[in-house]
Amino acid sequence: MKAAWIIAKREILSFFLSPLAYVVLTAWTLWQGATYAIFCYYVAGSPVGSGVENDPLAMLFGQTTLFYIPLLVFVPLITMRLLAEETRQGTLETLLTAPVTSVQVVMGKYLAALVFWLSLWVPTLMYVWLTSRFGDLDAGRLLASYLGILGVGAYYMSLGLLMSALARAPMSAAILTFLALASLFALGIVQFLPVSEAALEVVRYVSVWQHMQNFSSGVVDSRYLVYDLSLSVFGLFGAVQVLEARRTHP
């Protein structure tokens, strides 16, 4: 998979040389900082015994909708260029005629997207330090939260890559990714509606809300990890098939 690593390194460099990357990083960091400050203020102002959980990090990592809504904007911005930009510029055909397989192209792009996804969460380590300095830090819950973030990012990046493979332009890829993620996000709302217990179990299993609420509470459920892996494989497989179709029918 040497070719995949070469493609990944090239894509990572293009990410961090792009002005859009720094706009995304800056906006994301400001959003995370503002929400963390709000949660700290809320927890600090809550009286003892009020039932408010004394962990702003848990709130930051999935306990409120402030975690999910920005993902519907930032994830499409991260993934929209992966393959759609190659298509728009006409370089995808050149890439597909090079001595690399579609699997290597997809894996290289996917690894680059994962690196950028993880880089978004590096600034949150500062919030971890602040929480440990001025409050109580549950290491197990923190590790579970980051594991959940990795799982969500794995299949979000995969689905974004698939949409970028299907689209002919980055903006179209961003819209398709937004629609796909918004649909998954909307499933979480169903759990608050009067539905049967069987339907409720299915909704909870596929809902990113339930996923991150469990992980941010320190509960590592292997079923959610299987779900993350399955959707990640689905997205990658779909992207490979799209590239194979373009290779045989340009």
C-alpha atoms as a PDB file:
ATOM      1  CA  MET A   1       0.000   0.000   0.000  1.00  0.00           C
ATOM      2  CA  LYS A   2       2.969   2.284  -0.602  1.00  0.00           C
ATOM      3  CA  ALA A   3       0.998   4.155  -3.256  1.00  0.00           C
ATOM      4  CA  ALA A   4      -1.790   4.820  -0.760  1.00  0.00           C
ATOM      5  CA  TRP A   5       0.689   6.390   1.677  1.00  0.00           C
ATOM      6  CA  ILE A   6       2.084   8.593  -1.114  1.00  0.00           C
ATOM      7  CA  ILE A   7      -1.414   9.757  -2.053  1.00  0.00           C
ATOM      8  CA  ALA A   8      -2.245  10.318   1.622  1.00  0.00           C
ATOM      9  CA  LYS A   9       0.867  12.458   2.177  1.00  0.00           C
ATOM     10  CA  ARG A  10       0.151  14.493  -0.929  1.00  0.00           C
ATOM     11  CA  GLU A  11      -3.441  15.036   0.169  1.00  0.00           C
ATOM     12  CA  ILE A  12      -2.417  15.996   3.714  1.00  0.00           C
ATOM     13  CA  LEU A  13       0.003  18.576   2.352  1.00  0.00           C
ATOM     14  CA  SER A  14      -2.685  19.982   0.065  1.00  0.00           C
ATOM     15  CA  PHE A  15      -5.064  20.147   3.039  1.00  0.00           C
ATOM     16  CA  PHE A  16      -2.709  22.167   5.183  1.00  0.00           C
ATOM     17  CA  LEU A  17      -1.564  24.389   2.327  1.00  0.00           C
ATOM     18  CA  SER A  18      -5.152  25.307   1.524  1.00  0.00           C
ATOM     19  CA  PRO A  19      -6.603  28.531   3.011  1.00  0.00           C
ATOM     20  CA  LEU A  20      -9.893  26.663   3.463  1.00  0.00           C
ATOM     21  CA  ALA A  21      -8.212  24.283   5.898  1.00  0.00           C
ATOM     22  CA  TYR A  22      -7.170  27.106   8.188  1.00  0.00           C
ATOM     23  CA  VAL A  23     -10.586  28.732   7.955  1.00  0.00           C
ATOM     24  CA  VAL A  24     -12.119  25.409   9.034  1.00  0.00           C
ATOM     25  CA  LEU A  25      -9.579  24.907  11.819  1.00  0.00           C
ATOM     26  CA  THR A  26     -10.014  28.441  13.136  1.00  0.00           C
ATOM     27  CA  ALA A  27     -13.802  28.379  13.013  1.00  0.00           C
ATOM     28  CA  TRP A  28     -13.892  24.930  14.614  1.00  0.00           C
ATOM     29  CA  THR A  29     -11.523  25.933  17.416  1.00  0.00           C
ATOM     30  CA  LEU A  30     -13.544  29.077  18.159  1.00  0.00           C
ATOM     31  CA  TRP A  31     -16.764  27.054  18.231  1.00  0.00           C
ATOM     32  CA  GLN A  32     -15.305  24.428  20.541  1.00  0.00           C
ATOM     33  CA  GLY A  33     -13.817  27.058  22.826  1.00  0.00           C
ATOM     34  CA  ALA A  34     -17.101  28.952  23.054  1.00  0.00           C
ATOM     35  CA  THR A  35     -19.157  25.830  23.803  1.00  0.00           C
ATOM     36  CA  TYR A  36     -16.656  24.627  26.409  1.00  0.00           C
ATOM     37  CA  ALA A  37     -16.806  28.023  28.124  1.00  0.00           C
ATOM     38  CA  ILE A  38     -20.618  27.898  28.097  1.00  0.00           C
ATOM     39  CA  PHE A  39     -20.630  24.428  29.639  1.00  0.00           C
ATOM     40  CA  CYS A  40     -18.110  25.418  32.314  1.00  0.00           C
ATOM     41  CA  TYR A  41     -20.196  28.465  33.190  1.00  0.00           C
ATOM     42  CA  TYR A  42     -23.346  26.339  33.308  1.00  0.00           C
ATOM     43  CA  VAL A  43     -21.812  23.660  35.529  1.00  0.00           C
ATOM     44  CA  ALA A  44     -20.174  26.230  37.835  1.00  0.00           C
ATOM     45  CA  GLY A  45     -23.468  28.076  38.261  1.00  0.00           C
ATOM     46  CA  SER A  46     -25.512  24.979  39.046  1.00  0.00           C
ATOM     47  CA  PRO A  47     -26.206  24.431  42.751  1.00  0.00           C
ATOM     48  CA  VAL A  48     -24.897  21.312  44.456  1.00  0.00           C
ATOM     49  CA  GLY A  49     -27.441  18.493  44.312  1.00  0.00           C
ATOM     50  CA  SER A  50     -29.274  19.953  41.331  1.00  0.00           C
ATOM     51  CA  GLY A  51     -28.578  16.819  39.280  1.00  0.00           C
ATOM     52  CA  VAL A  52     -26.341  18.624  36.775  1.00  0.00           C
ATOM     53  CA  GLU A  53     -23.415  16.417  35.854  1.00  0.00           C
ATOM     54  CA  ASN A  54     -20.160  18.022  36.891  1.00  0.00           C
ATOM     55  CA  ASP A  55     -18.272  17.308  33.666  1.00  0.00           C
ATOM     56  CA  PRO A  56     -18.150  19.974  30.930  1.00  0.00           C
ATOM     57  CA  LEU A  57     -16.055  17.621  28.793  1.00  0.00           C
ATOM     58  CA  ALA A  58     -18.876  15.055  28.678  1.00  0.00           C
ATOM     59  CA  MET A  59     -21.220  17.837  27.587  1.00  0.00           C
ATOM     60  CA  LEU A  60     -18.714  18.949  24.953  1.00  0.00           C
ATOM     61  CA  PHE A  61     -18.296  15.429  23.563  1.00  0.00           C
ATOM     62  CA  GLY A  62     -21.860  14.596  22.664  1.00  0.00           C
ATOM     63  CA  GLN A  63     -24.243  15.344  25.512  1.00  0.00           C
ATOM     64  CA  THR A  64     -25.880  18.264  23.673  1.00  0.00           C
ATOM     65  CA  THR A  65     -26.825  19.109  20.087  1.00  0.00           C
ATOM     66  CA  LEU A  66     -23.985  21.658  20.034  1.00  0.00           C
ATOM     67  CA  PHE A  67     -21.704  18.701  19.268  1.00  0.00           C
ATOM     68  CA  TYR A  68     -23.634  17.445  16.241  1.00  0.00           C
ATOM     69  CA  ILE A  69     -24.875  20.536  14.423  1.00  0.00           C
ATOM     70  CA  PRO A  70     -21.438  21.942  13.452  1.00  0.00           C
ATOM     71  CA  LEU A  71     -20.431  18.531  12.094  1.00  0.00           C
ATOM     72  CA  LEU A  72     -23.108  18.917   9.426  1.00  0.00           C
ATOM     73  CA  VAL A  73     -21.148  21.951   8.183  1.00  0.00           C
ATOM     74  CA  PHE A  74     -17.515  21.105   8.853  1.00  0.00           C
ATOM     75  CA  VAL A  75     -17.443  17.489   7.650  1.00  0.00           C
ATOM     76  CA  PRO A  76     -18.698  18.364   4.127  1.00  0.00           C
ATOM     77  CA  LEU A  77     -16.044  21.096   3.961  1.00  0.00           C
ATOM     78  CA  ILE A  78     -13.342  18.566   4.851  1.00  0.00           C
ATOM     79  CA  THR A  79     -14.371  15.839   2.426  1.00  0.00           C
ATOM     80  CA  MET A  80     -15.786  17.743  -0.539  1.00  0.00           C
ATOM     81  CA  ARG A  81     -12.423  18.175  -2.285  1.00  0.00           C
ATOM     82  CA  LEU A  82     -11.144  14.615  -1.889  1.00  0.00           C
ATOM     83  CA  LEU A  83     -12.213  13.280  -5.292  1.00  0.00           C
ATOM     84  CA  ALA A  84     -14.641  15.883  -6.626  1.00  0.00           C
ATOM     85  CA  GLU A  85     -11.835  18.429  -6.992  1.00  0.00           C
ATOM     86  CA  GLU A  86      -9.825  15.904  -9.024  1.00  0.00           C
ATOM     87  CA  THR A  87     -12.887  15.423 -11.237  1.00  0.00           C
ATOM     88  CA  ARG A  88     -13.446  19.161 -11.640  1.00  0.00           C
ATOM     89  CA  GLN A  89      -9.833  19.812 -12.580  1.00  0.00           C
ATOM     90  CA  GLY A  90      -9.692  16.814 -14.928  1.00  0.00           C
ATOM     91  CA  THR A  91      -6.845  15.158 -12.991  1.00  0.00           C
ATOM     92  CA  LEU A  92      -8.868  12.159 -11.846  1.00  0.00           C
ATOM     93  CA  GLU A  93      -8.504  10.440 -15.230  1.00  0.00           C
ATOM     94  CA  THR A  94      -4.735  10.938 -15.041  1.00  0.00           C
ATOM     95  CA  LEU A  95      -4.689   9.499 -11.539  1.00  0.00           C
ATOM     96  CA  LEU A  96      -6.726   6.469 -12.607  1.00  0.00           C
ATOM     97  CA  THR A  97      -4.416   5.745 -15.538  1.00  0.00           C
ATOM     98  CA  ALA A  98      -1.363   5.818 -13.241  1.00  0.00           C
ATOM     99  CA  PRO A  99      -0.023   2.504 -11.866  1.00  0.00           C
ATOM    100  CA  VAL A 100      -2.259   2.640  -8.790  1.00  0.00           C
ATOM    101  CA  THR A 101      -5.441   0.771  -7.984  1.00  0.00           C
ATOM    102  CA  SER A 102      -8.772   2.336  -7.094  1.00  0.00           C
ATOM    103  CA  VAL A 103      -8.388   0.869  -3.598  1.00  0.00           C
ATOM    104  CA  GLN A 104      -5.067   2.658  -3.144  1.00  0.00           C
ATOM    105  CA  VAL A 105      -6.525   5.968  -4.327  1.00  0.00           C
ATOM    106  CA  VAL A 106      -9.509   5.675  -1.998  1.00  0.00           C
ATOM    107  CA  MET A 107      -7.432   4.583   0.997  1.00  0.00           C
ATOM    108  CA  GLY A 108      -4.932   7.382   0.459  1.00  0.00           C
ATOM    109  CA  LYS A 109      -7.667  10.005   0.317  1.00  0.00           C
ATOM    110  CA  TYR A 110      -9.423   8.435   3.294  1.00  0.00           C
ATOM    111  CA  LEU A 111      -6.313   8.404   5.489  1.00  0.00           C
ATOM    112  CA  ALA A 112      -5.696  12.068   4.701  1.00  0.00           C
ATOM    113  CA  ALA A 113      -9.272  12.958   5.670  1.00  0.00           C
ATOM    114  CA  LEU A 114      -8.922  11.031   8.945  1.00  0.00           C
ATOM    115  CA  VAL A 115      -5.718  12.904   9.783  1.00  0.00           C
ATOM    116  CA  PHE A 116      -7.477  16.219   9.249  1.00  0.00           C
ATOM    117  CA  TRP A 117     -10.464  15.030  11.318  1.00  0.00           C
ATOM    118  CA  LEU A 118      -8.204  14.099  14.216  1.00  0.00           C
ATOM    119  CA  SER A 119      -6.363  17.416  13.943  1.00  0.00           C
ATOM    120  CA  LEU A 120      -9.662  19.180  14.663  1.00  0.00           C
ATOM    121  CA  TRP A 121      -9.717  17.581  18.108  1.00  0.00           C
ATOM    122  CA  VAL A 122      -6.137  18.360  19.116  1.00  0.00           C
ATOM    123  CA  PRO A 123      -7.123  21.758  20.626  1.00  0.00           C
ATOM    124  CA  THR A 124      -9.581  19.970  22.951  1.00  0.00           C
ATOM    125  CA  LEU A 125      -6.568  18.576  24.823  1.00  0.00           C
ATOM    126  CA  MET A 126      -6.253  22.074  26.274  1.00  0.00           C
ATOM    127  CA  TYR A 127      -9.767  21.714  27.691  1.00  0.00           C
ATOM    128  CA  VAL A 128      -8.779  18.355  29.150  1.00  0.00           C
ATOM    129  CA  TRP A 129      -5.856  20.026  30.912  1.00  0.00           C
ATOM    130  CA  LEU A 130      -8.049  22.862  32.197  1.00  0.00           C
ATOM    131  CA  THR A 131     -10.622  20.400  33.509  1.00  0.00           C
ATOM    132  CA  SER A 132      -7.961  18.334  35.271  1.00  0.00           C
ATOM    133  CA  ARG A 133      -6.449  21.496  36.750  1.00  0.00           C
ATOM    134  CA  PHE A 134      -9.626  23.024  38.131  1.00  0.00           C
ATOM    135  CA  GLY A 135     -11.995  20.069  38.435  1.00  0.00           C
ATOM    136  CA  ASP A 136     -12.311  16.306  38.431  1.00  0.00           C
ATOM    137  CA  LEU A 137     -11.249  14.356  35.348  1.00  0.00           C
ATOM    138  CA  ASP A 138     -12.542  10.854  34.655  1.00  0.00           C
ATOM    139  CA  ALA A 139      -9.820   9.274  32.513  1.00  0.00           C
ATOM    140  CA  GLY A 140     -11.978   6.302  31.513  1.00  0.00           C
ATOM    141  CA  ARG A 141     -14.816   8.504  30.340  1.00  0.00           C
ATOM    142  CA  LEU A 142     -12.379  10.750  28.480  1.00  0.00           C
ATOM    143  CA  LEU A 143     -10.793   7.829  26.607  1.00  0.00           C
ATOM    144  CA  ALA A 144     -14.229   6.448  25.755  1.00  0.00           C
ATOM    145  CA  SER A 145     -15.252   9.880  24.418  1.00  0.00           C
ATOM    146  CA  TYR A 146     -12.231  10.087  22.129  1.00  0.00           C
ATOM    147  CA  LEU A 147     -12.866   6.522  20.960  1.00  0.00           C
ATOM    148  CA  GLY A 148     -16.420   7.537  20.065  1.00  0.00           C
ATOM    149  CA  ILE A 149     -15.123  10.598  18.214  1.00  0.00           C
ATOM    150  CA  LEU A 150     -12.741   8.383  16.238  1.00  0.00           C
ATOM    151  CA  GLY A 151     -15.587   6.010  15.374  1.00  0.00           C
ATOM    152  CA  VAL A 152     -17.930   8.779  14.251  1.00  0.00           C
ATOM    153  CA  GLY A 153     -15.147  10.418  12.259  1.00  0.00           C
ATOM    154  CA  ALA A 154     -14.262   7.122  10.579  1.00  0.00           C
ATOM    155  CA  TYR A 155     -17.661   6.673   9.013  1.00  0.00           C
ATOM    156  CA  TYR A 156     -18.348  10.381   8.482  1.00  0.00           C
ATOM    157  CA  MET A 157     -15.128  10.687   6.467  1.00  0.00           C
ATOM    158  CA  SER A 158     -16.002   7.505   4.579  1.00  0.00           C
ATOM    159  CA  LEU A 159     -19.464   8.735   3.620  1.00  0.00           C
ATOM    160  CA  GLY A 160     -18.037  12.134   2.674  1.00  0.00           C
ATOM    161  CA  LEU A 161     -15.476  10.417   0.456  1.00  0.00           C
ATOM    162  CA  LEU A 162     -18.226   8.406  -1.240  1.00  0.00           C
ATOM    163  CA  MET A 163     -20.211  11.570  -1.962  1.00  0.00           C
ATOM    164  CA  SER A 164     -17.075  13.247  -3.274  1.00  0.00           C
ATOM    165  CA  ALA A 165     -16.551  10.299  -5.624  1.00  0.00           C
ATOM    166  CA  LEU A 166     -20.130  10.572  -6.896  1.00  0.00           C
ATOM    167  CA  ALA A 167     -20.061  14.350  -7.412  1.00  0.00           C
ATOM    168  CA  ARG A 168     -18.545  16.248 -10.298  1.00  0.00           C
ATOM    169  CA  ALA A 169     -17.720  19.374  -8.286  1.00  0.00           C
ATOM    170  CA  PRO A 170     -16.731  20.032  -4.647  1.00  0.00           C
ATOM    171  CA  MET A 171     -19.859  22.064  -3.881  1.00  0.00           C
ATOM    172  CA  SER A 172     -22.080  19.244  -5.117  1.00  0.00           C
ATOM    173  CA  ALA A 173     -20.104  16.828  -2.942  1.00  0.00           C
ATOM    174  CA  ALA A 174     -20.585  19.096   0.076  1.00  0.00           C
ATOM    175  CA  ILE A 175     -24.346  19.222  -0.488  1.00  0.00           C
ATOM    176  CA  LEU A 176     -24.605  15.444  -0.897  1.00  0.00           C
ATOM    177  CA  THR A 177     -22.551  14.876   2.243  1.00  0.00           C
ATOM    178  CA  PHE A 178     -24.669  17.339   4.187  1.00  0.00           C
ATOM    179  CA  LEU A 179     -27.856  15.562   3.107  1.00  0.00           C
ATOM    180  CA  ALA A 180     -26.459  12.141   4.026  1.00  0.00           C
ATOM    181  CA  LEU A 181     -25.255  13.240   7.472  1.00  0.00           C
ATOM    182  CA  ALA A 182     -28.393  15.280   8.129  1.00  0.00           C
ATOM    183  CA  SER A 183     -30.479  12.185   7.422  1.00  0.00           C
ATOM    184  CA  LEU A 184     -28.477  10.155   9.931  1.00  0.00           C
ATOM    185  CA  PHE A 185     -28.721  13.000  12.421  1.00  0.00           C
ATOM    186  CA  ALA A 186     -32.491  13.248  11.940  1.00  0.00           C
ATOM    187  CA  LEU A 187     -32.886   9.589  12.873  1.00  0.00           C
ATOM    188  CA  GLY A 188     -31.921  10.562  16.397  1.00  0.00           C
ATOM    189  CA  ILE A 189     -35.029  12.719  16.658  1.00  0.00           C
ATOM    190  CA  VAL A 190     -37.231   9.664  16.084  1.00  0.00           C
ATOM    191  CA  GLN A 191     -36.290   8.284  19.506  1.00  0.00           C
ATOM    192  CA  PHE A 192     -38.254  11.148  21.061  1.00  0.00           C
ATOM    193  CA  LEU A 193     -41.394  10.250  19.109  1.00  0.00           C
ATOM    194  CA  PRO A 194     -44.042   7.689  20.106  1.00  0.00           C
ATOM    195  CA  VAL A 195     -42.749   4.618  18.238  1.00  0.00           C
ATOM    196  CA  SER A 196     -42.698   0.907  19.008  1.00  0.00           C
ATOM    197  CA  GLU A 197     -39.989  -0.540  21.213  1.00  0.00           C
ATOM    198  CA  ALA A 198     -38.539  -2.530  18.308  1.00  0.00           C
ATOM    199  CA  ALA A 199     -38.300   0.587  16.144  1.00  0.00           C
ATOM    200  CA  LEU A 200     -36.830   2.510  19.057  1.00  0.00           C
ATOM    201  CA  GLU A 201     -34.040  -0.042  19.461  1.00  0.00           C
ATOM    202  CA  VAL A 202     -33.158   0.214  15.765  1.00  0.00           C
ATOM    203  CA  VAL A 203     -33.177   4.009  15.857  1.00  0.00           C
ATOM    204  CA  ARG A 204     -30.972   4.079  18.936  1.00  0.00           C
ATOM    205  CA  TYR A 205     -28.511   1.737  17.272  1.00  0.00           C
ATOM    206  CA  VAL A 206     -28.107   3.864  14.133  1.00  0.00           C
ATOM    207  CA  SER A 207     -28.389   7.223  15.898  1.00  0.00           C
ATOM    208  CA  VAL A 208     -25.181   9.198  16.303  1.00  0.00           C
ATOM    209  CA  TRP A 209     -26.887  10.889  19.269  1.00  0.00           C
ATOM    210  CA  GLN A 210     -27.140   7.650  21.233  1.00  0.00           C
ATOM    211  CA  HIS A 211     -23.696   6.639  20.065  1.00  0.00           C
ATOM    212  CA  MET A 212     -21.894   9.668  21.458  1.00  0.00           C
ATOM    213  CA  GLN A 213     -24.054   9.981  24.550  1.00  0.00           C
ATOM    214  CA  ASN A 214     -22.995   6.490  25.559  1.00  0.00           C
ATOM    215  CA  PHE A 215     -19.314   7.020  24.822  1.00  0.00           C
ATOM    216  CA  SER A 216     -19.188  10.430  26.505  1.00  0.00           C
ATOM    217  CA  SER A 217     -20.749   8.804  29.571  1.00  0.00           C
ATOM    218  CA  GLY A 218     -17.905   6.276  29.649  1.00  0.00           C
ATOM    219  CA  VAL A 219     -19.910   3.367  28.201  1.00  0.00           C
ATOM    220  CA  VAL A 220     -18.013   1.597  25.397  1.00  0.00           C
ATOM    221  CA  ASP A 221     -20.590  -0.447  23.496  1.00  0.00           C
ATOM    222  CA  SER A 222     -19.013  -2.793  20.956  1.00  0.00           C
ATOM    223  CA  ARG A 223     -22.215  -2.714  18.889  1.00  0.00           C
ATOM    224  CA  TYR A 224     -21.591   0.935  18.064  1.00  0.00           C
ATOM    225  CA  LEU A 225     -18.008   0.174  17.088  1.00  0.00           C
ATOM    226  CA  VAL A 226     -19.276  -2.522  14.724  1.00  0.00           C
ATOM    227  CA  TYR A 227     -21.749  -0.006  13.295  1.00  0.00           C
ATOM    228  CA  ASP A 228     -18.971   2.566  12.786  1.00  0.00           C
ATOM    229  CA  LEU A 229     -16.780   0.001  11.062  1.00  0.00           C
ATOM    230  CA  SER A 230     -19.625  -1.263   8.882  1.00  0.00           C
ATOM    231  CA  LEU A 231     -20.555   2.212   7.629  1.00  0.00           C
ATOM    232  CA  SER A 232     -16.884   3.025   7.077  1.00  0.00           C
ATOM    233  CA  VAL A 233     -16.426  -0.091   4.943  1.00  0.00           C
ATOM    234  CA  PHE A 234     -19.652   0.671   3.076  1.00  0.00           C
ATOM    235  CA  GLY A 235     -18.488   4.176   2.178  1.00  0.00           C
ATOM    236  CA  LEU A 236     -15.024   3.032   1.112  1.00  0.00           C
ATOM    237  CA  PHE A 237     -16.402   0.130  -0.912  1.00  0.00           C
ATOM    238  CA  GLY A 238     -18.850   2.457  -2.636  1.00  0.00           C
ATOM    239  CA  ALA A 239     -16.095   4.947  -3.486  1.00  0.00           C
ATOM    240  CA  VAL A 240     -13.938   2.166  -4.941  1.00  0.00           C
ATOM    241  CA  GLN A 241     -16.829   0.966  -7.095  1.00  0.00           C
ATOM    242  CA  VAL A 242     -17.445   4.493  -8.388  1.00  0.00           C
ATOM    243  CA  LEU A 243     -13.778   4.846  -9.357  1.00  0.00           C
ATOM    244  CA  GLU A 244     -13.776   1.426 -11.002  1.00  0.00           C
ATOM    245  CA  ALA A 245     -16.817   2.436 -13.042  1.00  0.00           C
ATOM    246  CA  ARG A 246     -15.065   5.613 -14.137  1.00  0.00           C
ATOM    247  CA  ARG A 247     -11.928   3.655 -14.984  1.00  0.00           C
ATOM    248  CA  THR A 248     -13.824   1.335 -17.328  1.00  0.00           C
ATOM    249  CA  HIS A 249     -16.332   3.937 -18.597  1.00  0.00           C
ATOM    250  CA  PRO A 250     -14.566   7.324 -18.512  1.00  0.00           C
END
